[in-house]
Amino acid sequence: MTKVTRREFVQASSVLAAAVPALAAVTASAQPPGPAPVDTGKLRVEKDVVFGKGGDIDLLLDVYRPPEGVTSKRLAIVHLFGGGFFVGNKNAGYIINDAKALGNRGYTSISANYRLQSQGKWPAQIHDVKAAIRWTRANAAKLGVDADKIVVAGYSAGGMLSLMAAGTNGKAEFEGTGGTAGVSSDVNASIGVYPLASAQTAKGLFPDGQATAEAIAAASPTSYITAKFAPTIFVHGTGDKTVPLASSIDFFNKLNGLGVPTALTAIQGAAHAFDVAALDAVETMAQSIDLFLDRLLVNPKPYPAFGAPPGAGRPGGGGPRPPG
């Protein structure tokens, strides 16, 4: 477990106090105005599927299957919206933009709700995420995907949850009782899109006065960085003023240093939540994710070592790893 000093928590807390409202504002502005639906293109959509219970709240998800005529890669990506844990929902326009770009490449997307801070105290949020993953695995055959190809993707605050899921494979204390008991919630890979990746940013999960150093550490993905962390790709804009690119770089370096398959795509000039409207950057992101997941899980093959003959892979270089 990575140790985080109390001084580091205190220093970061003052920064986060200003950052979290900004995150909420960004995500709020990312939602489509009024009830008008976001264009889902040629995706095959199933809306408002109940996947579990969060307290007395029905937890809902949407399924976005690849368009007709696109060969499925039989891999599901569970998407988690952003909003600083204060606002947001599964209908976020940026998720649909990303689901369209990934769907055109053969990926099935699941956009799932989780309880906001006002609806449930931590660890309610990760419990809901685990329930969505269990539901996806249990329904893999119906979705047309393989049960051993379940990936979680998160955006901003949702990115923190996706990294938490990647770091807590097999940890029973994070399971919760939200639904689909008896099915594994392990993820085979994760995607962090401009994620709240540093330990201290978990502060937004807690009401005033409850964000102690110990509570933050227990809810921080950096606390669970080990060689067993699920393979992870980070996507971040160099112009992000809300969540600095440096946090993803630091996380990437830690995983890479432990030999965890990992990648980082930095998009020049892109701001936070760039995928709301920058569709060219969305295509770049989808291409990077596709390359990472295809080589890792869909058609596993390592990159050849420098100077090796064609077809010769570097030992340990990028093959799939079982979760846990």
Protein backbone atom coordinates (compact mmCIF):
# COMPACT_ATOMS: atom_id res chain seq x y z
CA MET A 1 0.00 0.00 0.00
CA THR A 2 1.33 3.45 -0.90
CA LYS A 3 1.73 5.63 2.22
CA VAL A 4 0.44 9.20 2.12
CA THR A 5 1.60 11.56 4.84
CA ARG A 6 -0.76 13.73 6.87
CA ARG A 7 1.09 16.79 5.61
CA GLU A 8 0.30 15.80 2.02
CA PHE A 9 -3.37 15.45 2.90
CA VAL A 10 -3.48 18.88 4.55
CA GLN A 11 -1.70 20.55 1.65
CA ALA A 12 -4.01 19.00 -0.92
CA SER A 13 -7.22 19.66 1.02
CA SER A 14 -6.97 23.43 0.54
CA VAL A 15 -6.57 22.92 -3.21
CA LEU A 16 -9.46 20.50 -3.40
CA ALA A 17 -11.84 22.83 -1.59
CA ALA A 18 -11.78 25.00 -4.69
CA ALA A 19 -11.44 22.14 -7.17
CA VAL A 20 -14.51 20.10 -6.26
CA PRO A 21 -17.10 22.84 -6.97
CA ALA A 22 -15.31 23.39 -10.29
CA LEU A 23 -15.62 19.70 -11.08
CA ALA A 24 -19.33 19.82 -10.32
CA ALA A 25 -19.77 22.87 -12.52
CA VAL A 26 -17.89 21.25 -15.41
CA THR A 27 -20.02 18.13 -15.33
CA ALA A 28 -23.24 20.08 -14.91
CA SER A 29 -22.41 22.08 -18.03
CA ALA A 30 -21.61 18.83 -19.83
CA GLN A 31 -25.18 17.57 -19.48
CA PRO A 32 -27.59 18.29 -22.34
CA PRO A 33 -29.97 21.17 -21.57
CA GLY A 34 -33.49 20.14 -20.65
CA PRO A 35 -34.95 16.73 -21.42
CA ALA A 36 -33.73 16.56 -25.03
CA PRO A 37 -31.85 13.28 -25.56
CA VAL A 38 -28.26 13.23 -26.74
CA ASP A 39 -27.76 11.86 -30.25
CA THR A 40 -26.72 8.21 -29.92
CA GLY A 41 -26.01 7.83 -33.64
CA LYS A 42 -26.31 4.26 -34.89
CA LEU A 43 -25.71 2.63 -31.53
CA ARG A 44 -28.28 0.06 -30.46
CA VAL A 45 -29.57 1.40 -27.16
CA GLU A 46 -31.39 -0.08 -24.18
CA LYS A 47 -32.27 2.51 -21.54
CA ASP A 48 -32.94 2.52 -17.81
CA VAL A 49 -32.19 -1.09 -16.93
CA VAL A 50 -32.35 -1.73 -13.18
CA PHE A 51 -29.11 -3.42 -12.11
CA GLY A 52 -29.43 -3.20 -8.34
CA LYS A 53 -30.42 -1.23 -5.28
CA GLY A 54 -28.52 1.55 -3.56
CA GLY A 55 -30.35 1.77 -0.26
CA ASP A 56 -33.92 2.44 -1.37
CA ILE A 57 -32.84 3.78 -4.79
CA ASP A 58 -33.18 1.73 -7.97
CA LEU A 59 -29.80 1.80 -9.69
CA LEU A 60 -30.11 2.22 -13.46
CA LEU A 61 -27.84 1.69 -16.44
CA ASP A 62 -27.99 2.13 -20.21
CA VAL A 63 -26.59 -0.33 -22.73
CA TYR A 64 -24.98 0.88 -25.96
CA ARG A 65 -24.25 -1.93 -28.40
CA PRO A 66 -22.17 -1.45 -31.57
CA PRO A 67 -24.10 -0.47 -34.71
CA GLU A 68 -25.46 -3.14 -37.00
CA GLY A 69 -22.72 -4.42 -39.29
CA VAL A 70 -19.88 -3.68 -36.87
CA THR A 71 -18.11 -6.81 -35.64
CA SER A 72 -18.28 -7.04 -31.88
CA LYS A 73 -15.04 -7.36 -29.94
CA ARG A 74 -17.04 -9.14 -27.22
CA LEU A 75 -15.76 -6.74 -24.56
CA ALA A 76 -17.92 -4.57 -22.30
CA ILE A 77 -16.87 -1.20 -20.90
CA VAL A 78 -18.76 0.06 -17.82
CA HIS A 79 -18.70 3.88 -17.89
CA LEU A 80 -18.90 6.05 -14.73
CA PHE A 81 -19.88 9.72 -15.01
CA GLY A 82 -18.09 12.64 -13.35
CA GLY A 83 -19.26 15.57 -11.25
CA GLY A 84 -17.22 15.68 -8.06
CA PHE A 85 -19.69 13.24 -6.43
CA PHE A 86 -22.20 16.11 -6.18
CA VAL A 87 -23.87 16.09 -9.63
CA GLY A 88 -24.04 13.99 -12.79
CA ASN A 89 -25.73 10.87 -14.12
CA LYS A 90 -25.45 8.11 -16.71
CA ASN A 91 -26.90 10.30 -19.48
CA ALA A 92 -23.79 12.52 -19.70
CA GLY A 93 -23.20 13.63 -23.27
CA TYR A 94 -19.47 12.94 -23.12
CA ILE A 95 -20.12 9.30 -22.24
CA ILE A 96 -22.41 8.94 -25.24
CA ASN A 97 -19.82 10.61 -27.47
CA ASP A 98 -17.24 8.12 -26.25
CA ALA A 99 -19.65 5.17 -26.52
CA LYS A 100 -20.27 6.06 -30.17
CA ALA A 101 -16.56 6.21 -30.99
CA LEU A 102 -15.90 2.94 -29.16
CA GLY A 103 -19.03 1.30 -30.55
CA ASN A 104 -17.81 1.98 -34.08
CA ARG A 105 -14.75 -0.06 -33.10
CA GLY A 106 -16.82 -2.99 -31.80
CA TYR A 107 -17.07 -2.27 -28.07
CA THR A 108 -20.25 -2.57 -26.00
CA SER A 109 -20.70 0.26 -23.49
CA ILE A 110 -22.65 0.27 -20.23
CA SER A 111 -23.31 3.67 -18.64
CA ALA A 112 -24.23 3.16 -14.98
CA ASN A 113 -25.52 5.42 -12.24
CA TYR A 114 -24.05 5.40 -8.76
CA ARG A 115 -25.23 7.27 -5.68
CA LEU A 116 -24.09 10.86 -5.25
CA GLN A 117 -22.76 12.09 -1.93
CA SER A 118 -26.22 13.43 -1.03
CA GLN A 119 -27.75 9.99 -1.64
CA GLY A 120 -25.31 7.75 0.18
CA LYS A 121 -22.16 7.96 2.25
CA TRP A 122 -18.92 6.35 1.13
CA PRO A 123 -18.41 3.46 0.41
CA ALA A 124 -21.88 3.53 -1.22
CA GLN A 125 -20.35 4.79 -4.48
CA ILE A 126 -17.88 1.93 -4.95
CA HIS A 127 -20.54 -0.56 -3.80
CA ASP A 128 -22.76 0.65 -6.66
CA VAL A 129 -19.89 0.41 -9.14
CA LYS A 130 -19.17 -3.16 -8.08
CA ALA A 131 -22.87 -4.00 -8.47
CA ALA A 132 -22.82 -2.64 -12.04
CA ILE A 133 -19.76 -4.74 -12.85
CA ARG A 134 -21.38 -7.87 -11.37
CA TRP A 135 -24.55 -7.25 -13.40
CA THR A 136 -22.53 -6.83 -16.58
CA ARG A 137 -20.61 -10.07 -16.01
CA ALA A 138 -23.78 -12.00 -15.08
CA ASN A 139 -25.46 -10.78 -18.29
CA ALA A 140 -22.44 -11.18 -20.55
CA ALA A 141 -24.10 -13.75 -22.79
CA LYS A 142 -27.16 -11.53 -23.33
CA LEU A 143 -24.93 -8.56 -24.04
CA GLY A 144 -22.87 -10.53 -26.54
CA VAL A 145 -19.61 -10.11 -24.63
CA ASP A 146 -17.21 -12.44 -22.83
CA ALA A 147 -17.41 -12.62 -19.04
CA ASP A 148 -13.61 -12.40 -18.81
CA LYS A 149 -13.52 -9.14 -20.79
CA ILE A 150 -15.14 -6.62 -18.45
CA VAL A 151 -13.51 -3.17 -18.30
CA VAL A 152 -14.42 -0.12 -16.21
CA ALA A 153 -14.00 3.47 -17.48
CA GLY A 154 -14.45 6.60 -15.41
CA TYR A 155 -14.43 10.34 -16.05
CA SER A 156 -13.10 12.82 -13.49
CA ALA A 157 -14.74 11.74 -10.19
CA GLY A 158 -15.97 8.62 -11.97
CA GLY A 159 -12.33 8.07 -12.96
CA MET A 160 -11.45 7.85 -9.29
CA LEU A 161 -14.08 5.12 -8.92
CA SER A 162 -12.80 3.25 -11.97
CA LEU A 163 -9.28 3.27 -10.50
CA MET A 164 -10.67 2.14 -7.15
CA ALA A 165 -12.38 -0.77 -8.86
CA ALA A 166 -9.11 -1.65 -10.62
CA GLY A 167 -7.21 -1.64 -7.34
CA THR A 168 -9.71 -3.57 -5.22
CA ASN A 169 -10.25 -6.75 -7.21
CA GLY A 170 -11.04 -9.50 -4.72
CA LYS A 171 -11.45 -7.20 -1.70
CA ALA A 172 -14.74 -8.25 -0.09
CA GLU A 173 -15.13 -5.09 1.99
CA PHE A 174 -15.92 -3.08 -1.16
CA GLU A 175 -18.58 -5.40 -2.58
CA GLY A 176 -21.73 -4.13 -0.89
CA THR A 177 -25.12 -5.81 -1.27
CA GLY A 178 -26.51 -3.85 -4.21
CA GLY A 179 -27.39 -6.80 -6.41
CA THR A 180 -26.23 -9.85 -8.39
CA ALA A 181 -24.65 -11.56 -5.41
CA GLY A 182 -22.22 -14.41 -6.00
CA VAL A 183 -20.78 -12.99 -9.24
CA SER A 184 -17.25 -11.63 -9.43
CA SER A 185 -16.84 -7.85 -9.56
CA ASP A 186 -13.22 -8.10 -10.75
CA VAL A 187 -12.33 -5.96 -13.73
CA ASN A 188 -9.93 -7.10 -16.44
CA ALA A 189 -8.74 -3.57 -17.16
CA SER A 190 -9.60 0.04 -16.38
CA ILE A 191 -9.69 3.39 -18.16
CA GLY A 192 -9.12 6.68 -16.35
CA VAL A 193 -10.27 9.69 -18.37
CA TYR A 194 -8.97 12.90 -16.73
CA PRO A 195 -9.45 11.00 -13.44
CA LEU A 196 -9.20 12.25 -9.88
CA ALA A 197 -6.13 10.08 -9.55
CA SER A 198 -4.21 11.51 -6.61
CA ALA A 199 -4.97 10.27 -3.12
CA GLN A 200 -6.18 13.55 -1.70
CA THR A 201 -8.92 14.14 -4.25
CA ALA A 202 -11.13 11.59 -2.50
CA LYS A 203 -12.05 14.44 -0.12
CA GLY A 204 -15.08 15.25 -2.26
CA LEU A 205 -16.70 12.00 -1.16
CA PHE A 206 -17.13 13.15 2.41
CA PRO A 207 -19.38 15.72 4.10
CA ASP A 208 -17.70 18.61 5.90
CA GLY A 209 -15.77 17.47 8.92
CA GLN A 210 -15.59 13.83 7.90
CA ALA A 211 -12.70 14.01 5.44
CA THR A 212 -10.04 12.76 7.83
CA ALA A 213 -6.67 11.59 6.56
CA GLU A 214 -7.59 8.01 7.43
CA ALA A 215 -10.96 8.17 5.66
CA ILE A 216 -9.43 9.73 2.56
CA ALA A 217 -6.69 7.11 2.41
CA ALA A 218 -9.22 4.28 2.62
CA ALA A 219 -11.13 5.80 -0.33
CA SER A 220 -8.08 6.66 -2.45
CA PRO A 221 -7.03 4.55 -5.44
CA THR A 222 -3.38 5.35 -4.82
CA SER A 223 -3.64 3.42 -1.55
CA TYR A 224 -4.26 0.23 -3.55
CA ILE A 225 -1.41 0.44 -6.04
CA THR A 226 0.29 -2.96 -6.13
CA ALA A 227 1.55 -5.32 -8.80
CA LYS A 228 -1.98 -6.82 -8.84
CA PHE A 229 -3.61 -3.58 -10.00
CA ALA A 230 -5.69 -4.19 -13.13
CA PRO A 231 -4.11 -3.05 -16.41
CA THR A 232 -4.96 0.62 -16.88
CA ILE A 233 -4.87 3.32 -19.54
CA PHE A 234 -5.05 7.02 -18.71
CA VAL A 235 -6.38 9.69 -21.08
CA HIS A 236 -5.83 13.32 -20.09
CA GLY A 237 -5.61 16.73 -21.71
CA THR A 238 -2.46 18.80 -21.32
CA GLY A 239 -4.64 21.89 -20.87
CA ASP A 240 -6.66 20.48 -17.97
CA LYS A 241 -6.81 23.16 -15.24
CA THR A 242 -9.28 21.23 -13.05
CA VAL A 243 -7.44 17.94 -12.61
CA PRO A 244 -3.75 18.34 -13.50
CA LEU A 245 -2.20 15.98 -16.03
CA ALA A 246 0.58 15.39 -13.49
CA SER A 247 -1.73 13.25 -11.34
CA SER A 248 -2.26 10.77 -14.18
CA ILE A 249 1.45 10.80 -15.03
CA ASP A 250 2.33 10.01 -11.42
CA PHE A 251 -0.19 7.16 -11.27
CA PHE A 252 1.05 5.80 -14.60
CA ASN A 253 4.66 5.88 -13.41
CA LYS A 254 3.81 3.97 -10.23
CA LEU A 255 1.95 1.24 -12.14
CA ASN A 256 4.61 1.01 -14.82
CA GLY A 257 7.30 0.71 -12.16
CA LEU A 258 5.51 -2.32 -10.73
CA GLY A 259 5.20 -4.00 -14.12
CA VAL A 260 1.44 -3.44 -14.45
CA PRO A 261 0.42 -3.12 -18.13
CA THR A 262 -0.40 0.57 -18.45
CA ALA A 263 -0.54 3.37 -21.02
CA LEU A 264 -0.99 7.13 -21.07
CA THR A 265 -2.44 9.29 -23.83
CA ALA A 266 -1.92 13.02 -23.32
CA ILE A 267 -3.96 15.14 -25.73
CA GLN A 268 -2.24 18.42 -26.56
CA GLY A 269 -4.17 21.47 -25.37
CA ALA A 270 -7.29 19.56 -24.33
CA ALA A 271 -9.11 20.89 -21.27
CA HIS A 272 -11.06 19.02 -18.62
CA ALA A 273 -14.11 17.23 -20.09
CA PHE A 274 -12.77 17.80 -23.61
CA ASP A 275 -14.97 14.97 -24.88
CA VAL A 276 -18.10 17.09 -24.44
CA ALA A 277 -17.48 18.75 -27.79
CA ALA A 278 -13.99 18.01 -29.16
CA LEU A 279 -14.95 15.05 -31.32
CA ASP A 280 -11.54 14.86 -33.00
CA ALA A 281 -10.01 14.35 -29.55
CA VAL A 282 -12.68 11.74 -28.82
CA GLU A 283 -11.51 9.80 -31.87
CA THR A 284 -7.91 10.00 -30.65
CA MET A 285 -8.99 8.73 -27.25
CA ALA A 286 -11.02 5.87 -28.73
CA GLN A 287 -8.12 4.83 -30.96
CA SER A 288 -5.76 4.76 -27.97
CA ILE A 289 -8.20 2.75 -25.86
CA ASP A 290 -8.82 0.35 -28.74
CA LEU A 291 -5.10 -0.26 -29.25
CA PHE A 292 -4.59 -0.88 -25.53
CA LEU A 293 -7.56 -3.21 -25.03
CA ASP A 294 -7.20 -5.04 -28.32
CA ARG A 295 -3.58 -6.04 -27.68
CA LEU A 296 -4.27 -6.77 -24.03
CA LEU A 297 -7.60 -8.63 -24.06
CA VAL A 298 -9.22 -8.97 -27.48
CA ASN A 299 -6.33 -10.27 -29.59
CA PRO A 300 -3.53 -10.59 -27.03
CA LYS A 301 -0.06 -10.08 -28.38
CA PRO A 302 3.02 -8.39 -26.95
CA TYR A 303 5.08 -5.81 -28.77
CA PRO A 304 8.34 -7.21 -30.18
CA ALA A 305 11.56 -6.33 -28.43
CA PHE A 306 13.92 -3.92 -30.18
CA GLY A 307 15.98 -5.83 -32.73
CA ALA A 308 13.95 -9.03 -32.37
CA PRO A 309 12.85 -10.93 -35.48
CA PRO A 310 9.23 -10.52 -36.59
CA GLY A 311 6.78 -12.39 -34.33
CA ALA A 312 9.12 -12.48 -31.35
CA GLY A 313 7.60 -10.87 -28.28
CA ARG A 314 9.33 -9.47 -25.25
CA PRO A 315 8.75 -11.73 -22.21
CA GLY A 316 6.09 -10.29 -19.96
CA GLY A 317 5.42 -7.47 -22.37
CA GLY A 318 1.76 -6.73 -22.48
CA GLY A 319 -0.06 -10.06 -22.40
CA PRO A 320 -3.36 -10.23 -20.49
CA ARG A 321 -3.27 -10.68 -16.74
CA PRO A 322 -5.99 -12.40 -14.74
CA PRO A 323 -7.72 -10.08 -12.24
CA GLY A 324 -7.02 -10.38 -8.56
